[in-house]
Amino acid sequence: MIKIFREIEKKVKELEEMRIVAQTGEIIYRQKGELHTADRFRKAEKGIQEAIRILADSSL
């Protein structure tokens, strides 16, 4: 059972890293004026954030 919670913690950390990459991508493409791509990164970041929240809630 503890192994499951360790795996959840590991996945949350991976997702947090992906979220940072998505945020960075959004900033870069917004600065370039490529709003469509920036919006896609923003949507991805929001989805990753939701996944993190769900996993964090399940590990409580």
Protein backbone atom coordinates (compact mmCIF):
# COMPACT_ATOMS: atom_id res chain seq x y z
CA MET A 1 0.00 0.00 0.00
CA ILE A 2 2.81 2.41 0.84
CA LYS A 3 4.36 1.64 -2.55
CA ILE A 4 1.25 3.03 -4.24
CA PHE A 5 1.51 6.31 -2.35
CA ARG A 6 5.21 6.59 -3.20
CA GLU A 7 4.38 6.11 -6.87
CA ILE A 8 1.68 8.78 -6.62
CA GLU A 9 4.19 11.19 -5.09
CA LYS A 10 6.65 10.38 -7.88
CA LYS A 11 4.02 11.02 -10.56
CA VAL A 12 2.99 14.30 -8.92
CA LYS A 13 6.61 15.48 -9.07
CA GLU A 14 6.83 14.50 -12.75
CA LEU A 15 3.59 16.34 -13.48
CA GLU A 16 4.84 19.42 -11.65
CA GLU A 17 7.91 19.45 -13.89
CA MET A 18 5.67 19.12 -16.97
CA ARG A 19 3.51 21.98 -15.70
CA ILE A 20 6.56 24.22 -15.42
CA VAL A 21 7.54 23.34 -18.99
CA ALA A 22 4.02 24.17 -20.18
CA GLN A 23 4.10 27.52 -18.34
CA THR A 24 7.46 28.32 -19.90
CA GLY A 25 6.16 27.39 -23.34
CA GLU A 26 3.16 29.65 -22.88
CA ILE A 27 5.37 32.60 -21.92
CA ILE A 28 7.76 32.05 -24.83
CA TYR A 29 5.04 31.76 -27.46
CA ARG A 30 3.07 34.68 -26.03
CA GLN A 31 6.21 36.83 -26.30
CA LYS A 32 6.64 35.67 -29.91
CA GLY A 33 3.08 36.72 -30.63
CA GLU A 34 1.94 33.17 -31.39
CA LEU A 35 -1.20 33.35 -29.29
CA HIS A 36 -2.78 30.14 -30.61
CA THR A 37 0.22 28.07 -29.53
CA ALA A 38 0.46 29.95 -26.23
CA ASP A 39 -3.20 29.18 -25.54
CA ARG A 40 -2.58 25.48 -26.23
CA PHE A 41 0.25 25.50 -23.69
CA ARG A 42 -2.04 27.26 -21.21
CA LYS A 43 -4.76 24.62 -21.66
CA ALA A 44 -2.16 21.88 -21.20
CA GLU A 45 -0.90 23.55 -18.03
CA LYS A 46 -4.44 23.75 -16.64
CA GLY A 47 -5.04 20.06 -17.41
CA ILE A 48 -1.78 19.06 -15.76
CA GLN A 49 -2.66 21.21 -12.75
CA GLU A 50 -6.01 19.40 -12.45
CA ALA A 51 -4.26 16.01 -12.66
CA ILE A 52 -1.88 17.08 -9.88
CA ARG A 53 -4.82 18.14 -7.73
CA ILE A 54 -6.61 14.82 -8.26
CA LEU A 55 -3.51 12.78 -7.46
CA ALA A 56 -2.70 14.91 -4.42
CA ASP A 57 -6.26 14.46 -3.12
CA SER A 58 -6.05 10.70 -3.56
CA SER A 59 -2.86 10.44 -1.54
CA LEU A 60 -4.36 12.09 1.55
